[in-house]
Amino acid sequence: MQRLLNSIAVMLVMPGVLAAQELRMMHQGSPESIATYEGVAERFHEATGVEIELVYAPHDSYNESFGAAVLSGQLADIVELDAPFLSNYVWSGHMREITPYVSQELLDDMTASNIAQGTYPVDGNLYALGLTDSAVMLFGNRQLLEEAGVRIPTGIEDVWNRDELVGAIEALAGLDGVTWPIDIFRSYGNRTEWITYAYEPLMISAGCDLIDRDSWEASGTIDNEACVDLHVEMQRWVENDWVVPASAGANAFYADGGNVGISLGGFWVYNEYINALGAGNVVVMGMPDLGNGSIGPNGTWIWGITTAAEDPDLAGQFIEFMINDTDYREYVKGNVGFPGMNSFAAESPLYAEGGAMHVALEQHAVERPPHPAYPTITLAYMEAIDEIFSGGDVQDALEEAAENIDIDIEDNGGYPPFGG
């Protein structure tokens, strides 16, 4: 509460608070998160007299909504954005550096991964931030793993290697009572950011990536031997009916009392899992080490100030107010929000030393390629995965993805100053 009171006090004396009587904020989210934003907006209005107009855009078509707002001259003052798309937004001239408009105290509170997800690599400046970051890890059904004779990792130092991961899947496949050994959330769809967000860490751990991050060329990286080998293995899982199909939905891990052994899932599934199966039967494990370490993703939905904002100082004040708002923090904590602020980590016992989700903080996080071509990069990979999981030739699918990415970069002159 003291943090919130201090923020309000600062705002009431800072110049610019009365310069604009309204701010517009574009966002996505669930009905619960929208209600939380509405509460924050009301409290900000009570403290400052400034109205906050919330502009909702659907999650799965958010970038299209953003583009439409730009074209119509209706871009909001504040926007929520998915971190891997930040470089495209900044390169296109739509975002302001956020550092001048929030306090040094807030900046000092940010975790390293929070800074990384909001930083534009060309100038090294921060353009967006949030209360949270994100993580993907492995979840296991303890009873099924033990029945299958599978070793259960105890921390980041003893995560499964590739042979152990494959062995666990194969052992579970032979166990009575297991319908599918692993869920990789095909139910989220084959044209959603989940594909790139969750699977790229496996690629990096296996020794490849979506694109070479020095030359910014995809050919020779996304289609190299390591990438082909990994995706041949994942295709084998699908073809053997070891992977939860899209038609089974997103709750297969705990449906019918739990008949799935392993889940490659985001931090947000933890509450669902323990509520259904009991905390003692849910094992939280770091991502597997496929040869180059236990790698997790970086990047979630964060907040930035657009170049359309007439009063960026006020926009920054609202963002800071929201991040410090007690009710907002409690809502995010209740949804197992992965801390992007050190103060929030201290308030989140699940992620503290000894907490069930602490391993998520320990695994190495790598951001998705921070490049203006990212919309093309992620779409190309989604299309490749769709082709691979549908039984297509792995090498051909990855080579086509590489070609589509490289053509886009070439057509845009290398997206200077990134180079080609």
Protein backbone atom coordinates (compact mmCIF):
# COMPACT_ATOMS: atom_id res chain seq x y z
CA MET A 1 0.00 0.00 0.00
CA GLN A 2 2.84 2.42 0.82
CA ARG A 3 4.25 1.91 -2.70
CA LEU A 4 0.89 2.89 -4.20
CA LEU A 5 0.50 5.95 -1.96
CA ASN A 6 3.98 7.14 -2.87
CA SER A 7 3.19 6.79 -6.57
CA ILE A 8 0.02 8.84 -6.20
CA ALA A 9 1.82 11.53 -4.25
CA VAL A 10 4.48 11.87 -6.92
CA MET A 11 1.86 12.10 -9.67
CA LEU A 12 -0.06 14.85 -7.97
CA VAL A 13 2.95 17.14 -7.98
CA MET A 14 4.49 16.20 -11.33
CA PRO A 15 3.94 18.55 -14.26
CA GLY A 16 1.77 17.20 -17.02
CA VAL A 17 -0.80 15.43 -14.89
CA LEU A 18 -3.43 18.00 -15.77
CA ALA A 19 -2.24 18.54 -19.34
CA ALA A 20 -4.47 15.75 -20.62
CA GLN A 21 -7.77 14.74 -19.09
CA GLU A 22 -7.95 11.38 -20.85
CA LEU A 23 -5.65 8.56 -21.88
CA ARG A 24 -6.49 5.67 -24.19
CA MET A 25 -5.01 2.25 -23.48
CA MET A 26 -5.18 -0.64 -25.96
CA HIS A 27 -5.03 -4.11 -24.41
CA GLN A 28 -5.99 -7.75 -24.75
CA GLY A 29 -6.85 -10.23 -22.05
CA SER A 30 -9.47 -12.31 -20.29
CA PRO A 31 -12.68 -10.91 -18.78
CA GLU A 32 -10.99 -11.14 -15.37
CA SER A 33 -7.96 -9.14 -16.46
CA ILE A 34 -10.17 -6.55 -18.13
CA ALA A 35 -12.11 -6.11 -14.88
CA THR A 36 -8.79 -5.65 -13.10
CA TYR A 37 -7.70 -2.95 -15.56
CA GLU A 38 -11.04 -1.21 -15.07
CA GLY A 39 -10.43 -1.15 -11.33
CA VAL A 40 -6.95 0.32 -11.78
CA ALA A 41 -8.36 2.96 -14.15
CA GLU A 42 -11.02 3.93 -11.62
CA ARG A 43 -8.46 4.31 -8.84
CA PHE A 44 -6.21 6.39 -11.08
CA HIS A 45 -9.16 8.63 -11.94
CA GLU A 46 -9.95 9.06 -8.26
CA ALA A 47 -6.34 10.04 -7.57
CA THR A 48 -5.75 12.34 -10.55
CA GLY A 49 -9.05 13.17 -12.22
CA VAL A 50 -7.79 11.64 -15.46
CA GLU A 51 -10.07 9.29 -17.38
CA ILE A 52 -8.62 6.09 -18.84
CA GLU A 53 -10.42 4.75 -21.90
CA LEU A 54 -9.77 1.03 -22.29
CA VAL A 55 -9.64 -0.18 -25.90
CA TYR A 56 -9.95 -3.96 -26.15
CA ALA A 57 -8.42 -5.96 -29.00
CA PRO A 58 -8.72 -9.76 -29.26
CA HIS A 59 -5.60 -11.71 -28.35
CA ASP A 60 -5.39 -13.78 -31.53
CA SER A 61 -5.77 -10.81 -33.88
CA TYR A 62 -4.02 -8.18 -31.77
CA ASN A 63 -1.37 -7.26 -34.33
CA GLU A 64 -4.04 -6.80 -36.98
CA SER A 65 -5.93 -4.51 -34.59
CA PHE A 66 -2.73 -2.58 -33.90
CA GLY A 67 -2.11 -2.13 -37.62
CA ALA A 68 -5.68 -1.00 -38.20
CA ALA A 69 -5.35 1.58 -35.42
CA VAL A 70 -2.18 2.94 -37.02
CA LEU A 71 -3.78 3.20 -40.46
CA SER A 72 -6.88 4.94 -39.10
CA GLY A 73 -4.95 7.37 -36.93
CA GLN A 74 -6.51 5.88 -33.80
CA LEU A 75 -3.45 4.41 -32.11
CA ALA A 76 -3.86 4.59 -28.33
CA ASP A 77 -1.52 6.47 -25.98
CA ILE A 78 -0.59 3.26 -24.17
CA VAL A 79 -0.50 -0.16 -25.78
CA GLU A 80 -0.05 -3.64 -24.47
CA LEU A 81 2.24 -5.54 -26.80
CA ASP A 82 3.64 -9.02 -27.08
CA ALA A 83 7.36 -8.59 -26.40
CA PRO A 84 8.74 -10.36 -29.51
CA PHE A 85 6.86 -7.89 -31.71
CA LEU A 86 8.46 -4.88 -30.01
CA SER A 87 11.31 -4.56 -32.53
CA ASN A 88 8.81 -4.40 -35.38
CA TYR A 89 6.76 -1.72 -33.62
CA VAL A 90 9.83 0.37 -32.74
CA TRP A 91 11.43 -0.02 -36.18
CA SER A 92 8.12 1.10 -37.73
CA GLY A 93 8.20 4.28 -35.63
CA HIS A 94 5.21 3.60 -33.39
CA MET A 95 6.84 3.43 -29.94
CA ARG A 96 8.59 5.91 -27.65
CA GLU A 97 11.48 5.07 -25.40
CA ILE A 98 9.79 4.58 -22.03
CA THR A 99 12.72 5.35 -19.73
CA PRO A 100 12.14 9.14 -19.50
CA TYR A 101 8.53 8.66 -18.43
CA VAL A 102 8.81 6.31 -15.44
CA SER A 103 10.75 6.62 -12.21
CA GLN A 104 14.27 5.34 -11.65
CA GLU A 105 12.88 3.37 -8.72
CA LEU A 106 10.66 1.39 -11.08
CA LEU A 107 13.50 0.84 -13.56
CA ASP A 108 15.79 -0.39 -10.78
CA ASP A 109 13.12 -2.89 -9.71
CA MET A 110 13.07 -4.66 -13.09
CA THR A 111 14.56 -8.12 -13.46
CA ALA A 112 17.18 -8.71 -16.14
CA SER A 113 14.73 -10.69 -18.27
CA ASN A 114 12.12 -7.92 -17.99
CA ILE A 115 14.69 -5.44 -19.27
CA ALA A 116 15.64 -7.81 -22.08
CA GLN A 117 12.07 -8.29 -23.28
CA GLY A 118 11.45 -4.54 -23.52
CA THR A 119 14.76 -3.50 -25.10
CA TYR A 120 15.24 -2.60 -28.76
CA PRO A 121 18.62 -4.07 -29.78
CA VAL A 122 19.61 -1.34 -32.24
CA ASP A 123 19.88 1.47 -29.68
CA GLY A 124 19.80 -0.60 -26.49
CA ASN A 125 16.99 1.53 -25.09
CA LEU A 126 13.96 0.36 -23.14
CA TYR A 127 10.61 0.82 -24.88
CA ALA A 128 8.22 -1.27 -22.78
CA LEU A 129 7.97 -2.97 -19.41
CA GLY A 130 5.59 -4.96 -17.28
CA LEU A 131 4.99 -6.48 -13.89
CA THR A 132 5.69 -9.92 -15.28
CA ASP A 133 7.78 -11.93 -17.66
CA SER A 134 6.93 -15.49 -18.68
CA ALA A 135 8.19 -19.04 -18.60
CA VAL A 136 7.58 -22.50 -20.01
CA MET A 137 8.63 -25.63 -18.18
CA LEU A 138 7.82 -29.32 -17.94
CA PHE A 139 5.10 -30.51 -15.59
CA GLY A 140 4.82 -34.17 -14.65
CA ASN A 141 2.21 -36.44 -13.13
CA ARG A 142 4.24 -37.88 -10.26
CA GLN A 143 2.21 -41.07 -9.96
CA LEU A 144 2.50 -41.91 -13.65
CA LEU A 145 6.19 -41.07 -13.83
CA GLU A 146 6.93 -43.28 -10.84
CA GLU A 147 4.84 -46.15 -12.24
CA ALA A 148 6.75 -45.85 -15.52
CA GLY A 149 10.07 -45.98 -13.67
CA VAL A 150 11.09 -42.52 -14.88
CA ARG A 151 13.64 -40.49 -12.92
CA ILE A 152 12.12 -37.28 -11.58
CA PRO A 153 14.46 -34.25 -11.68
CA THR A 154 14.81 -32.30 -8.45
CA GLY A 155 16.09 -28.98 -9.81
CA ILE A 156 17.81 -27.16 -12.63
CA GLU A 157 21.05 -29.10 -12.16
CA ASP A 158 19.54 -32.48 -13.06
CA VAL A 159 16.93 -31.75 -15.73
CA TRP A 160 16.33 -34.50 -18.26
CA ASN A 161 18.72 -34.78 -21.17
CA ARG A 162 17.44 -35.70 -24.61
CA ASP A 163 17.70 -39.45 -24.10
CA GLU A 164 15.85 -39.18 -20.79
CA LEU A 165 13.08 -37.05 -22.28
CA VAL A 166 12.56 -39.46 -25.16
CA GLY A 167 12.87 -42.41 -22.79
CA ALA A 168 10.25 -40.94 -20.47
CA ILE A 169 7.81 -40.46 -23.35
CA GLU A 170 8.40 -44.01 -24.58
CA ALA A 171 8.05 -45.48 -21.08
CA LEU A 172 4.79 -43.64 -20.51
CA ALA A 173 3.52 -44.82 -23.90
CA GLY A 174 3.80 -48.40 -22.66
CA LEU A 175 2.04 -47.76 -19.36
CA ASP A 176 -1.56 -48.82 -18.82
CA GLY A 177 -3.72 -45.85 -17.92
CA VAL A 178 -1.78 -43.36 -20.04
CA THR A 179 -3.77 -42.07 -22.99
CA TRP A 180 -1.03 -39.76 -24.25
CA PRO A 181 2.48 -39.47 -22.82
CA ILE A 182 2.93 -35.73 -23.46
CA ASP A 183 0.92 -32.57 -24.02
CA ILE A 184 2.58 -29.82 -26.06
CA PHE A 185 -0.68 -27.86 -26.30
CA ARG A 186 -1.63 -28.42 -29.89
CA SER A 187 -5.06 -27.35 -28.65
CA TYR A 188 -3.87 -23.73 -28.66
CA GLY A 189 -3.96 -23.87 -32.47
CA ASN A 190 -1.49 -24.13 -35.33
CA ARG A 191 -1.40 -20.40 -36.06
CA THR A 192 -0.78 -19.03 -32.57
CA GLU A 193 2.32 -17.56 -30.96
CA TRP A 194 2.43 -20.53 -28.59
CA ILE A 195 4.14 -22.56 -31.33
CA THR A 196 7.17 -20.28 -31.51
CA TYR A 197 7.14 -19.31 -27.84
CA ALA A 198 7.19 -22.88 -26.53
CA TYR A 199 9.14 -24.78 -29.18
CA GLU A 200 11.97 -22.36 -29.99
CA PRO A 201 13.65 -23.03 -26.60
CA LEU A 202 13.88 -26.70 -27.60
CA MET A 203 15.51 -25.64 -30.86
CA ILE A 204 18.11 -23.49 -29.10
CA SER A 205 18.86 -26.25 -26.61
CA ALA A 206 19.26 -28.70 -29.50
CA GLY A 207 21.74 -26.41 -31.29
CA CYS A 208 19.72 -24.38 -33.76
CA ASP A 209 17.37 -21.40 -33.87
CA LEU A 210 14.78 -19.65 -35.99
CA ILE A 211 17.43 -17.37 -37.49
CA ASP A 212 21.12 -16.55 -37.13
CA ARG A 213 21.18 -13.61 -34.72
CA ASP A 214 24.39 -12.16 -36.14
CA SER A 215 23.82 -12.35 -39.89
CA TRP A 216 20.01 -12.30 -39.61
CA GLU A 217 19.74 -15.08 -42.16
CA ALA A 218 17.45 -18.05 -41.59
CA SER A 219 18.89 -20.42 -44.20
CA GLY A 220 21.48 -22.65 -42.60
CA THR A 221 20.01 -22.13 -39.13
CA ILE A 222 16.32 -23.05 -38.96
CA ASP A 223 16.95 -25.82 -41.50
CA ASN A 224 20.31 -27.10 -40.23
CA GLU A 225 20.95 -30.70 -39.21
CA ALA A 226 20.19 -30.12 -35.53
CA CYS A 227 16.84 -28.50 -36.31
CA VAL A 228 15.86 -31.22 -38.77
CA ASP A 229 16.79 -33.93 -36.26
CA LEU A 230 14.75 -32.30 -33.47
CA HIS A 231 11.67 -31.88 -35.61
CA VAL A 232 11.91 -35.41 -36.99
CA GLU A 233 11.79 -36.60 -33.39
CA MET A 234 8.80 -34.38 -32.54
CA GLN A 235 7.05 -35.57 -35.69
CA ARG A 236 7.60 -39.15 -34.49
CA TRP A 237 5.81 -38.33 -31.24
CA VAL A 238 2.81 -37.04 -33.16
CA GLU A 239 2.74 -39.92 -35.64
CA ASN A 240 2.90 -42.46 -32.79
CA ASP A 241 -0.10 -40.79 -31.14
CA TRP A 242 2.02 -39.89 -28.12
CA VAL A 243 1.02 -36.20 -28.20
CA VAL A 244 -2.31 -34.88 -26.96
CA PRO A 245 -4.24 -33.92 -30.12
CA ALA A 246 -5.80 -30.51 -30.59
CA SER A 247 -9.25 -32.07 -30.38
CA ALA A 248 -8.66 -33.21 -26.78
CA GLY A 249 -8.54 -29.63 -25.48
CA ALA A 250 -6.20 -27.88 -23.08
CA ASN A 251 -7.10 -29.81 -19.92
CA ALA A 252 -6.01 -33.31 -20.95
CA PHE A 253 -3.24 -33.40 -18.32
CA TYR A 254 -5.77 -33.58 -15.51
CA ALA A 255 -8.96 -34.71 -17.26
CA ASP A 256 -10.35 -38.08 -16.17
CA GLY A 257 -8.14 -38.06 -13.10
CA GLY A 258 -4.92 -37.52 -15.03
CA ASN A 259 -3.93 -39.78 -17.93
CA VAL A 260 -1.12 -37.68 -19.44
CA GLY A 261 2.36 -38.06 -17.99
CA ILE A 262 4.18 -34.89 -19.10
CA SER A 263 3.08 -31.39 -20.05
CA LEU A 264 5.20 -28.81 -21.85
CA GLY A 265 3.26 -25.88 -20.46
CA GLY A 266 3.29 -22.23 -19.57
CA PHE A 267 3.48 -21.05 -15.97
CA TRP A 268 -0.26 -20.30 -16.03
CA VAL A 269 -1.29 -23.98 -16.02
CA TYR A 270 0.13 -24.62 -12.54
CA ASN A 271 -2.97 -23.61 -10.59
CA GLU A 272 -5.24 -25.72 -12.80
CA TYR A 273 -2.99 -28.73 -12.37
CA ILE A 274 -2.66 -28.63 -8.60
CA ASN A 275 -6.34 -27.88 -8.10
CA ALA A 276 -7.25 -30.95 -10.13
CA LEU A 277 -4.53 -33.41 -9.14
CA GLY A 278 -3.17 -32.06 -5.85
CA ALA A 279 0.11 -30.24 -5.37
CA GLY A 280 1.87 -33.43 -4.29
CA ASN A 281 1.13 -35.17 -7.57
CA VAL A 282 2.31 -32.33 -9.83
CA VAL A 283 6.04 -32.20 -10.49
CA VAL A 284 7.47 -28.93 -11.83
CA MET A 285 10.65 -29.49 -13.84
CA GLY A 286 13.03 -27.33 -15.82
CA MET A 287 13.10 -27.53 -19.59
CA PRO A 288 15.15 -30.48 -20.89
CA ASP A 289 18.80 -30.09 -21.81
CA LEU A 290 18.97 -31.27 -25.41
CA GLY A 291 22.68 -30.55 -25.62
CA ASN A 292 23.04 -26.83 -24.98
CA GLY A 293 21.46 -26.28 -21.59
CA SER A 294 18.00 -25.93 -20.10
CA ILE A 295 16.47 -23.09 -22.12
CA GLY A 296 13.20 -21.30 -21.47
CA PRO A 297 11.50 -18.54 -23.44
CA ASN A 298 11.48 -14.86 -22.58
CA GLY A 299 8.80 -12.32 -23.35
CA THR A 300 5.19 -11.69 -22.45
CA TRP A 301 2.60 -8.93 -22.81
CA ILE A 302 4.13 -5.64 -21.66
CA TRP A 303 3.21 -1.95 -21.71
CA GLY A 304 4.59 0.81 -23.88
CA ILE A 305 3.90 4.43 -24.84
CA THR A 306 3.21 5.17 -28.49
CA THR A 307 4.41 8.07 -30.59
CA ALA A 308 0.73 9.03 -30.85
CA ALA A 309 0.64 9.93 -27.15
CA GLU A 310 0.27 13.69 -26.72
CA ASP A 311 1.23 13.48 -23.04
CA PRO A 312 3.78 10.69 -22.64
CA ASP A 313 4.57 11.83 -19.09
CA LEU A 314 1.01 11.11 -18.06
CA ALA A 315 1.03 7.82 -19.93
CA GLY A 316 4.14 6.78 -18.04
CA GLN A 317 2.57 7.80 -14.76
CA PHE A 318 -0.41 5.55 -15.41
CA ILE A 319 1.77 2.57 -16.35
CA GLU A 320 3.75 3.00 -13.14
CA PHE A 321 0.57 3.43 -11.12
CA MET A 322 -0.81 0.20 -12.55
CA ILE A 323 2.35 -1.84 -11.94
CA ASN A 324 2.40 -0.68 -8.31
CA ASP A 325 -1.34 -1.12 -7.76
CA THR A 326 -1.96 -3.58 -4.93
CA ASP A 327 -5.12 -5.14 -6.38
CA TYR A 328 -3.46 -5.57 -9.78
CA ARG A 329 -0.51 -7.33 -8.16
CA GLU A 330 -2.79 -9.59 -6.16
CA TYR A 331 -4.70 -10.54 -9.31
CA VAL A 332 -1.49 -11.38 -11.19
CA LYS A 333 -0.11 -13.29 -8.20
CA GLY A 334 -3.31 -15.32 -8.04
CA ASN A 335 -2.70 -16.33 -11.64
CA VAL A 336 0.86 -17.49 -10.85
CA GLY A 337 2.32 -14.48 -12.69
CA PHE A 338 6.01 -14.98 -13.43
CA PRO A 339 7.82 -12.05 -11.75
CA GLY A 340 9.34 -9.32 -13.89
CA MET A 341 9.91 -7.03 -10.93
CA ASN A 342 12.17 -7.92 -8.01
CA SER A 343 9.65 -6.55 -5.55
CA PHE A 344 6.96 -8.76 -7.08
CA ALA A 345 9.24 -11.80 -6.87
CA ALA A 346 9.60 -11.10 -3.15
CA GLU A 347 5.80 -11.11 -2.88
CA SER A 348 5.46 -14.40 -4.80
CA PRO A 349 6.36 -17.41 -2.60
CA LEU A 350 5.84 -19.89 -5.45
CA TYR A 351 8.93 -18.48 -7.16
CA ALA A 352 11.05 -17.98 -4.05
CA GLU A 353 13.84 -20.36 -3.07
CA GLY A 354 12.15 -23.64 -2.22
CA GLY A 355 8.92 -22.64 -3.98
CA ALA A 356 7.29 -25.07 -6.38
CA MET A 357 7.94 -22.82 -9.40
CA HIS A 358 11.44 -21.63 -8.46
CA VAL A 359 13.03 -23.73 -11.21
CA ALA A 360 11.43 -21.38 -13.76
CA LEU A 361 13.64 -18.56 -12.48
CA GLU A 362 16.75 -20.73 -12.69
CA GLN A 363 16.58 -21.90 -16.30
CA HIS A 364 18.26 -19.71 -18.90
CA ALA A 365 15.75 -17.51 -20.73
CA VAL A 366 16.27 -16.53 -24.36
CA GLU A 367 14.10 -13.95 -26.08
CA ARG A 368 12.56 -14.68 -29.45
CA PRO A 369 14.49 -13.00 -32.29
CA PRO A 370 14.35 -9.21 -31.64
CA HIS A 371 14.07 -8.24 -35.29
CA PRO A 372 11.52 -6.23 -37.31
CA ALA A 373 10.90 -9.32 -39.44
CA TYR A 374 9.62 -11.23 -36.42
CA PRO A 375 5.99 -11.34 -37.65
CA THR A 376 7.25 -13.17 -40.75
CA ILE A 377 9.66 -15.33 -38.75
CA THR A 378 7.00 -16.63 -36.38
CA LEU A 379 4.42 -17.18 -39.12
CA ALA A 380 6.93 -19.11 -41.23
CA TYR A 381 7.71 -21.37 -38.30
CA MET A 382 4.04 -21.92 -37.48
CA GLU A 383 3.46 -23.01 -41.07
CA ALA A 384 6.45 -25.36 -40.91
CA ILE A 385 5.20 -26.97 -37.70
CA ASP A 386 1.74 -27.41 -39.20
CA GLU A 387 3.27 -29.16 -42.21
CA ILE A 388 5.58 -31.31 -40.07
CA PHE A 389 2.86 -32.42 -37.64
CA SER A 390 0.64 -33.20 -40.63
CA GLY A 391 3.21 -35.70 -41.88
CA GLY A 392 5.13 -33.52 -44.34
CA ASP A 393 8.83 -33.75 -45.08
CA VAL A 394 10.71 -32.06 -42.24
CA GLN A 395 13.66 -30.85 -44.29
CA ASP A 396 11.40 -29.37 -46.96
CA ALA A 397 9.17 -27.64 -44.41
CA LEU A 398 12.09 -26.00 -42.60
CA GLU A 399 13.80 -24.98 -45.85
CA GLU A 400 10.58 -23.33 -47.00
CA ALA A 401 10.37 -21.45 -43.68
CA ALA A 402 13.97 -20.28 -44.11
CA GLU A 403 13.27 -19.11 -47.64
CA ASN A 404 10.15 -17.17 -46.63
CA ILE A 405 12.02 -15.42 -43.82
CA ASP A 406 15.04 -14.53 -45.93
CA ILE A 407 12.87 -13.24 -48.78
CA ASP A 408 11.00 -10.91 -46.42
CA ILE A 409 14.26 -9.53 -45.02
CA GLU A 410 15.69 -9.09 -48.51
CA ASP A 411 12.51 -7.40 -49.75
CA ASN A 412 12.87 -4.87 -46.93
CA GLY A 413 16.50 -4.12 -47.68
CA GLY A 414 17.66 -5.98 -44.58
CA TYR A 415 15.53 -3.77 -42.31
CA PRO A 416 18.33 -1.23 -41.82
CA PRO A 417 20.12 -0.73 -39.52
CA PHE A 418 19.84 -4.47 -38.79
CA GLY A 419 21.52 -5.43 -42.07
CA GLY A 420 20.58 -8.27 -44.36
